[in-house]
Amino acid sequence: MEPVASRLIREDYSSTPASRRRERRGEKAAAAEMAVADVAFKALTAGLGVATLYLAGTFSVNVYRGLSWHSEQSKLEKEKRED
């Protein structure tokens, strides 16, 4: 077991104004880092959302064009058979 005197000294040291300032500075730095990480995460998810919408839109347009092309090919094949 640790002597009482050393515990008291450690407790007194941890509550000095300088140590409290260090703790607050550390908390502020941690909060700033979290804010930067939060903005980066939001930017990433926004970018992924935009990419998803773009890819869904282009996929839909390509499916429509492909179906139109195949429909036209079928019409041409029918006309060839009739002739």
N, C-alpha and C. Protein backbone atom coordinates (compact mmCIF):
# COMPACT_ATOMS: atom_id res chain seq x y z
N MET A 1 0.85 -1.18 0.00
CA MET A 1 0.00 0.00 0.00
C MET A 1 0.89 1.24 0.00
N GLU A 2 0.44 2.25 -0.69
CA GLU A 2 1.19 3.49 -0.83
C GLU A 2 1.02 4.34 0.43
N PRO A 3 2.10 5.00 0.87
CA PRO A 3 1.98 5.86 2.05
C PRO A 3 0.99 7.00 1.80
N VAL A 4 0.33 7.42 2.84
CA VAL A 4 -0.68 8.47 2.75
C VAL A 4 -0.06 9.78 2.27
N ALA A 5 1.14 10.09 2.72
CA ALA A 5 1.79 11.35 2.35
C ALA A 5 1.99 11.45 0.84
N SER A 6 2.42 10.36 0.20
CA SER A 6 2.66 10.43 -1.25
C SER A 6 1.34 10.56 -2.01
N ARG A 7 0.27 9.95 -1.52
CA ARG A 7 -1.04 10.13 -2.15
C ARG A 7 -1.51 11.57 -2.05
N LEU A 8 -1.29 12.17 -0.90
CA LEU A 8 -1.70 13.57 -0.71
C LEU A 8 -0.91 14.49 -1.63
N ILE A 9 0.38 14.23 -1.74
CA ILE A 9 1.22 15.06 -2.60
C ILE A 9 0.75 14.93 -4.05
N ARG A 10 0.49 13.71 -4.50
CA ARG A 10 0.05 13.49 -5.87
C ARG A 10 -1.29 14.16 -6.11
N GLU A 11 -2.21 14.05 -5.19
CA GLU A 11 -3.51 14.69 -5.33
C GLU A 11 -3.37 16.21 -5.35
N ASP A 12 -2.50 16.74 -4.51
CA ASP A 12 -2.29 18.19 -4.50
C ASP A 12 -1.68 18.64 -5.83
N TYR A 13 -0.74 17.86 -6.35
CA TYR A 13 -0.08 18.23 -7.59
C TYR A 13 -1.07 18.21 -8.75
N SER A 14 -1.96 17.23 -8.74
CA SER A 14 -2.88 17.11 -9.86
C SER A 14 -3.92 18.21 -9.89
N SER A 15 -4.05 18.94 -8.79
CA SER A 15 -5.06 20.00 -8.78
C SER A 15 -4.44 21.39 -8.79
N THR A 16 -3.19 21.50 -9.20
CA THR A 16 -2.57 22.82 -9.29
C THR A 16 -3.14 23.55 -10.51
N PRO A 17 -3.11 24.87 -10.50
CA PRO A 17 -3.64 25.62 -11.65
C PRO A 17 -2.94 25.26 -12.96
N ALA A 18 -1.64 25.02 -12.90
CA ALA A 18 -0.91 24.67 -14.12
C ALA A 18 -1.38 23.34 -14.68
N SER A 19 -1.58 22.36 -13.81
CA SER A 19 -2.04 21.05 -14.30
C SER A 19 -3.46 21.14 -14.83
N ARG A 20 -4.29 21.98 -14.21
CA ARG A 20 -5.65 22.15 -14.71
C ARG A 20 -5.63 22.83 -16.08
N ARG A 21 -4.72 23.78 -16.27
CA ARG A 21 -4.60 24.42 -17.59
C ARG A 21 -4.16 23.40 -18.63
N ARG A 22 -3.21 22.53 -18.27
CA ARG A 22 -2.77 21.49 -19.19
C ARG A 22 -3.93 20.58 -19.57
N GLU A 23 -4.73 20.21 -18.58
CA GLU A 23 -5.88 19.35 -18.86
C GLU A 23 -6.86 20.04 -19.80
N ARG A 24 -7.14 21.32 -19.54
CA ARG A 24 -8.08 22.05 -20.40
C ARG A 24 -7.53 22.18 -21.81
N ARG A 25 -6.22 22.44 -21.90
CA ARG A 25 -5.59 22.56 -23.21
C ARG A 25 -5.70 21.23 -23.95
N GLY A 26 -5.50 20.14 -23.23
CA GLY A 26 -5.63 18.83 -23.84
C GLY A 26 -7.05 18.55 -24.29
N GLU A 27 -8.01 18.98 -23.49
CA GLU A 27 -9.41 18.80 -23.86
C GLU A 27 -9.76 19.62 -25.10
N LYS A 28 -9.23 20.85 -25.16
CA LYS A 28 -9.49 21.70 -26.32
C LYS A 28 -8.87 21.10 -27.58
N ALA A 29 -7.65 20.59 -27.44
CA ALA A 29 -6.98 19.98 -28.59
C ALA A 29 -7.75 18.75 -29.06
N ALA A 30 -8.22 17.96 -28.10
CA ALA A 30 -8.99 16.77 -28.45
C ALA A 30 -10.30 17.17 -29.13
N ALA A 31 -10.93 18.23 -28.63
CA ALA A 31 -12.17 18.70 -29.24
C ALA A 31 -11.92 19.21 -30.66
N ALA A 32 -10.80 19.90 -30.86
CA ALA A 32 -10.47 20.41 -32.19
C ALA A 32 -10.21 19.25 -33.15
N GLU A 33 -9.50 18.23 -32.68
CA GLU A 33 -9.24 17.06 -33.52
C GLU A 33 -10.54 16.36 -33.88
N MET A 34 -11.45 16.26 -32.93
CA MET A 34 -12.74 15.62 -33.19
C MET A 34 -13.53 16.43 -34.21
N ALA A 35 -13.46 17.76 -34.13
CA ALA A 35 -14.18 18.61 -35.08
C ALA A 35 -13.62 18.42 -36.49
N VAL A 36 -12.31 18.33 -36.61
CA VAL A 36 -11.69 18.11 -37.92
C VAL A 36 -12.10 16.74 -38.46
N ALA A 37 -12.05 15.74 -37.61
CA ALA A 37 -12.44 14.39 -38.04
C ALA A 37 -13.91 14.35 -38.43
N ASP A 38 -14.74 15.08 -37.71
CA ASP A 38 -16.18 15.12 -38.01
C ASP A 38 -16.43 15.75 -39.37
N VAL A 39 -15.75 16.85 -39.66
CA VAL A 39 -15.91 17.51 -40.95
C VAL A 39 -15.40 16.60 -42.07
N ALA A 40 -14.28 15.94 -41.85
CA ALA A 40 -13.73 15.03 -42.87
C ALA A 40 -14.70 13.88 -43.14
N PHE A 41 -15.28 13.33 -42.09
CA PHE A 41 -16.23 12.23 -42.26
C PHE A 41 -17.48 12.70 -43.01
N LYS A 42 -17.96 13.88 -42.68
CA LYS A 42 -19.14 14.41 -43.38
C LYS A 42 -18.84 14.66 -44.85
N ALA A 43 -17.65 15.17 -45.14
CA ALA A 43 -17.26 15.41 -46.53
C ALA A 43 -17.16 14.09 -47.29
N LEU A 44 -16.60 13.08 -46.65
CA LEU A 44 -16.49 11.76 -47.29
C LEU A 44 -17.87 11.18 -47.58
N THR A 45 -18.76 11.21 -46.59
CA THR A 45 -20.09 10.64 -46.81
C THR A 45 -20.88 11.44 -47.84
N ALA A 46 -20.70 12.75 -47.87
CA ALA A 46 -21.38 13.56 -48.89
C ALA A 46 -20.85 13.19 -50.28
N GLY A 47 -19.55 13.02 -50.40
CA GLY A 47 -18.96 12.61 -51.68
C GLY A 47 -19.45 11.26 -52.13
N LEU A 48 -19.55 10.33 -51.20
CA LEU A 48 -20.07 9.00 -51.55
C LEU A 48 -21.54 9.07 -51.96
N GLY A 49 -22.29 9.94 -51.31
CA GLY A 49 -23.69 10.11 -51.68
C GLY A 49 -23.84 10.66 -53.09
N VAL A 50 -23.05 11.67 -53.42
CA VAL A 50 -23.09 12.26 -54.76
C VAL A 50 -22.67 11.23 -55.80
N ALA A 51 -21.62 10.47 -55.51
CA ALA A 51 -21.16 9.44 -56.44
C ALA A 51 -22.24 8.38 -56.65
N THR A 52 -22.93 8.01 -55.59
CA THR A 52 -24.01 7.02 -55.70
C THR A 52 -25.13 7.53 -56.59
N LEU A 53 -25.53 8.78 -56.38
CA LEU A 53 -26.60 9.36 -57.21
C LEU A 53 -26.17 9.45 -58.67
N TYR A 54 -24.93 9.84 -58.92
CA TYR A 54 -24.42 9.94 -60.29
C TYR A 54 -24.43 8.56 -60.97
N LEU A 55 -23.91 7.57 -60.26
CA LEU A 55 -23.85 6.23 -60.85
C LEU A 55 -25.24 5.65 -61.07
N ALA A 56 -26.16 5.89 -60.16
CA ALA A 56 -27.54 5.41 -60.34
C ALA A 56 -28.18 6.09 -61.55
N GLY A 57 -27.95 7.38 -61.70
CA GLY A 57 -28.51 8.10 -62.84
C GLY A 57 -27.95 7.62 -64.17
N THR A 58 -26.64 7.48 -64.25
CA THR A 58 -26.03 7.04 -65.51
C THR A 58 -26.41 5.59 -65.81
N PHE A 59 -26.54 4.76 -64.79
CA PHE A 59 -26.97 3.38 -65.01
C PHE A 59 -28.38 3.35 -65.60
N SER A 60 -29.27 4.17 -65.05
CA SER A 60 -30.65 4.20 -65.55
C SER A 60 -30.69 4.67 -67.00
N VAL A 61 -29.92 5.69 -67.32
CA VAL A 61 -29.88 6.19 -68.70
C VAL A 61 -29.33 5.11 -69.63
N ASN A 62 -28.29 4.41 -69.21
CA ASN A 62 -27.72 3.36 -70.06
C ASN A 62 -28.68 2.20 -70.26
N VAL A 63 -29.42 1.84 -69.23
CA VAL A 63 -30.42 0.77 -69.37
C VAL A 63 -31.49 1.19 -70.37
N TYR A 64 -31.95 2.43 -70.26
CA TYR A 64 -32.97 2.94 -71.19
C TYR A 64 -32.45 2.91 -72.63
N ARG A 65 -31.21 3.38 -72.83
CA ARG A 65 -30.64 3.39 -74.17
C ARG A 65 -30.48 1.97 -74.72
N GLY A 66 -30.05 1.06 -73.84
CA GLY A 66 -29.89 -0.32 -74.27
C GLY A 66 -31.21 -0.96 -74.67
N LEU A 67 -32.25 -0.72 -73.89
CA LEU A 67 -33.56 -1.27 -74.22
C LEU A 67 -34.09 -0.66 -75.52
N SER A 68 -33.87 0.63 -75.71
CA SER A 68 -34.31 1.28 -76.95
C SER A 68 -33.57 0.70 -78.15
N TRP A 69 -32.28 0.48 -78.00
CA TRP A 69 -31.48 -0.06 -79.10
C TRP A 69 -31.95 -1.47 -79.46
N HIS A 70 -32.18 -2.29 -78.44
CA HIS A 70 -32.63 -3.66 -78.70
C HIS A 70 -34.02 -3.68 -79.33
N SER A 71 -34.87 -2.77 -78.90
CA SER A 71 -36.21 -2.68 -79.48
C SER A 71 -36.11 -2.32 -80.96
N GLU A 72 -35.25 -1.37 -81.28
CA GLU A 72 -35.07 -0.96 -82.67
C GLU A 72 -34.48 -2.10 -83.50
N GLN A 73 -33.55 -2.85 -82.93
CA GLN A 73 -32.97 -3.98 -83.64
C GLN A 73 -34.03 -5.03 -83.95
N SER A 74 -34.92 -5.25 -83.00
CA SER A 74 -36.00 -6.22 -83.21
C SER A 74 -36.91 -5.78 -84.35
N LYS A 75 -37.21 -4.49 -84.42
CA LYS A 75 -38.04 -3.97 -85.50
C LYS A 75 -37.35 -4.17 -86.85
N LEU A 76 -36.04 -3.91 -86.91
CA LEU A 76 -35.30 -4.10 -88.16
C LEU A 76 -35.28 -5.56 -88.58
N GLU A 77 -35.14 -6.46 -87.63
CA GLU A 77 -35.14 -7.90 -87.94
C GLU A 77 -36.50 -8.32 -88.48
N LYS A 78 -37.57 -7.81 -87.91
CA LYS A 78 -38.92 -8.14 -88.39
C LYS A 78 -39.10 -7.65 -89.82
N GLU A 79 -38.65 -6.43 -90.10
CA GLU A 79 -38.78 -5.88 -91.45
C GLU A 79 -37.99 -6.70 -92.46
N LYS A 80 -36.82 -7.20 -92.08
CA LYS A 80 -36.00 -8.01 -92.99
C LYS A 80 -36.71 -9.33 -93.30
N ARG A 81 -37.33 -9.91 -92.29
CA ARG A 81 -38.02 -11.18 -92.48
C ARG A 81 -39.24 -11.01 -93.39
N GLU A 82 -39.92 -9.89 -93.28
CA GLU A 82 -41.12 -9.64 -94.08
C GLU A 82 -40.77 -9.42 -95.55
N ASP A 83 -39.59 -8.91 -95.81
CA ASP A 83 -39.19 -8.64 -97.21
C ASP A 83 -38.77 -9.85 -97.93
